[in-house]
Protein backbone atom coordinates (compact mmCIF):
# COMPACT_ATOMS: atom_id res chain seq x y z
CA MET A 1 -39.67 29.66 46.51
CA ARG A 2 -39.52 33.38 45.82
CA SER A 3 -40.82 32.91 42.25
CA LEU A 4 -43.68 30.74 43.48
CA LEU A 5 -44.67 33.42 45.96
CA THR A 6 -44.50 36.02 43.19
CA VAL A 7 -46.79 33.96 40.93
CA ILE A 8 -49.29 33.43 43.75
CA CYS A 9 -49.33 37.14 44.62
CA LEU A 10 -49.73 38.09 40.96
CA SER A 11 -52.62 35.68 40.46
CA LEU A 12 -54.34 36.93 43.62
CA CYS A 13 -53.97 40.53 42.46
CA LEU A 14 -55.36 39.71 39.03
CA HIS A 15 -58.25 37.81 40.52
CA ALA A 16 -59.01 40.59 43.00
CA CYS A 17 -59.06 43.14 40.19
CA GLY A 18 -61.76 41.07 38.54
CA GLY A 19 -60.05 40.99 35.17
CA ASN A 20 -60.45 37.99 32.93
CA THR A 21 -56.87 38.28 31.79
CA ALA A 22 -55.17 35.37 30.10
CA VAL A 23 -53.23 34.63 33.30
CA SER A 24 -56.32 34.51 35.48
CA LEU A 25 -58.20 32.45 32.88
CA HIS A 26 -55.38 29.88 32.82
CA LEU A 27 -55.30 29.67 36.61
CA GLU A 28 -59.07 29.45 37.08
CA TRP A 29 -60.23 27.50 34.04
CA GLY A 30 -57.37 25.23 33.05
CA SER A 31 -54.65 25.21 30.48
CA CYS A 32 -55.58 22.66 27.83
CA ASP A 33 -54.26 23.53 24.39
CA PHE A 34 -56.94 24.63 21.96
CA GLU A 35 -57.49 22.41 18.92
CA ARG A 36 -60.47 22.94 16.64
CA GLU A 37 -61.27 19.22 16.40
CA ARG A 38 -61.04 18.72 20.18
CA TRP A 39 -63.26 21.76 20.77
CA ALA A 40 -65.89 20.34 18.41
CA GLN A 41 -65.98 17.06 20.37
CA ALA A 42 -65.55 18.53 23.86
CA ASP A 43 -68.19 18.95 26.52
CA ARG A 44 -68.54 22.22 28.43
CA ILE A 45 -65.71 21.29 30.84
CA GLY A 46 -63.34 20.48 27.98
CA ARG A 47 -64.22 23.74 26.29
CA GLY A 48 -63.69 25.63 29.54
CA CYS A 49 -60.22 24.11 29.80
CA MET A 50 -59.38 25.19 26.21
CA MET A 51 -60.95 28.65 26.44
CA ALA A 52 -57.89 30.63 27.53
CA SER A 53 -55.71 28.88 24.97
CA PHE A 54 -58.15 29.80 22.19
CA LEU A 55 -58.27 33.44 23.30
CA ASP A 56 -54.47 33.57 23.41
CA GLN A 57 -53.85 31.83 20.07
CA HIS A 58 -56.66 33.34 18.04
CA ALA A 59 -57.45 36.79 19.37
CA PRO A 60 -61.12 37.03 18.43
CA LYS A 61 -61.31 40.83 18.41
CA GLY A 62 -61.84 41.82 14.79
CA MET A 63 -62.93 38.35 13.61
CA THR A 64 -66.11 38.07 11.59
CA VAL A 65 -68.89 35.80 12.82
CA VAL A 66 -68.06 33.42 9.95
CA GLU A 67 -64.40 33.21 11.05
CA LEU A 68 -65.45 32.64 14.66
CA LYS A 69 -67.76 29.79 13.62
CA LEU A 70 -64.99 28.25 11.51
CA TRP A 71 -62.88 28.01 14.69
CA LEU A 72 -65.57 27.15 17.26
CA GLY A 73 -68.51 25.76 15.30
CA GLU A 74 -72.11 26.73 15.83
CA PRO A 75 -72.75 28.53 19.13
CA ASN A 76 -74.80 26.91 21.89
CA THR A 77 -76.97 30.01 22.06
CA TYR A 78 -76.99 33.73 21.33
CA ALA A 79 -76.72 36.44 23.97
CA ASP A 80 -78.64 39.66 23.36
CA LEU A 81 -80.24 37.96 20.34
CA GLU A 82 -77.19 38.25 18.05
CA ASP A 83 -73.97 37.62 19.99
CA PRO A 84 -72.65 34.03 19.60
CA ALA A 85 -72.24 32.31 22.98
CA TYR A 86 -70.61 29.00 23.90
CA LEU A 87 -71.25 27.11 27.13
CA VAL A 88 -68.08 26.54 29.16
CA ALA A 89 -67.58 25.22 32.68
CA GLN A 90 -64.87 24.60 35.23
CA ALA A 91 -64.35 21.09 36.56
CA GLY A 92 -65.16 20.69 40.24
CA PRO A 93 -63.23 18.46 42.63
CA ASN A 94 -65.48 15.52 41.78
CA GLY A 95 -65.11 16.09 38.03
CA ARG A 96 -68.59 17.54 37.68
CA PRO A 97 -69.12 20.93 36.07
CA VAL A 98 -69.14 24.00 38.29
CA ALA A 99 -69.19 27.70 37.45
CA GLU A 100 -71.01 27.28 34.14
CA GLN A 101 -70.61 30.40 32.05
CA LEU A 102 -71.34 31.58 28.55
CA LEU A 103 -68.32 32.67 26.56
CA VAL A 104 -69.96 35.51 24.66
CA PHE A 105 -68.53 37.24 21.63
CA ARG A 106 -70.04 40.72 21.35
CA ILE A 107 -70.53 41.64 17.72
CA ASP A 108 -70.51 45.17 16.32
CA ARG A 109 -73.84 45.44 14.51
CA ARG A 110 -72.44 47.61 11.71
CA SER A 111 -69.23 45.79 10.87
CA GLY A 112 -70.29 42.27 11.88
CA ARG A 113 -66.96 41.81 13.71
CA VAL A 114 -66.16 40.72 17.25
CA VAL A 115 -65.47 43.68 19.52
CA GLU A 116 -65.14 41.81 22.81
CA ALA A 117 -65.11 38.35 24.36
CA LEU A 118 -66.53 38.05 27.86
CA LEU A 119 -67.94 35.55 30.34
CA ARG A 120 -71.52 35.75 31.56
CA PRO A 121 -73.49 33.49 33.90
CA ALA A 122 -75.13 30.68 31.96
CA SER A 123 -78.57 31.19 33.45
């Protein structure tokens, strides 16, 4: 019971701080294991469920755009004209997508490498 209370308090603190840490991503978005083939076939909810696993397994910071596309395929869109972005969503209680976001990989214009992964509203 004490450990459950500790986990709940920790997750609330992380959520209140606003950080998209791996722990808060797992709690909010799901904990499906990332697999390249599953990602390629997944809808936005499936990708949302695998997002935290991908970020944990394959830290994108420092990846080239080519490496990123080898893992995730072609992006759904580009943020700020050049940053690859993938549509992800949480599953609502009825199984429909809620909280659609873009998983954006900010690219350093000089090096062509990922400097940051962040979530932005999809619209």
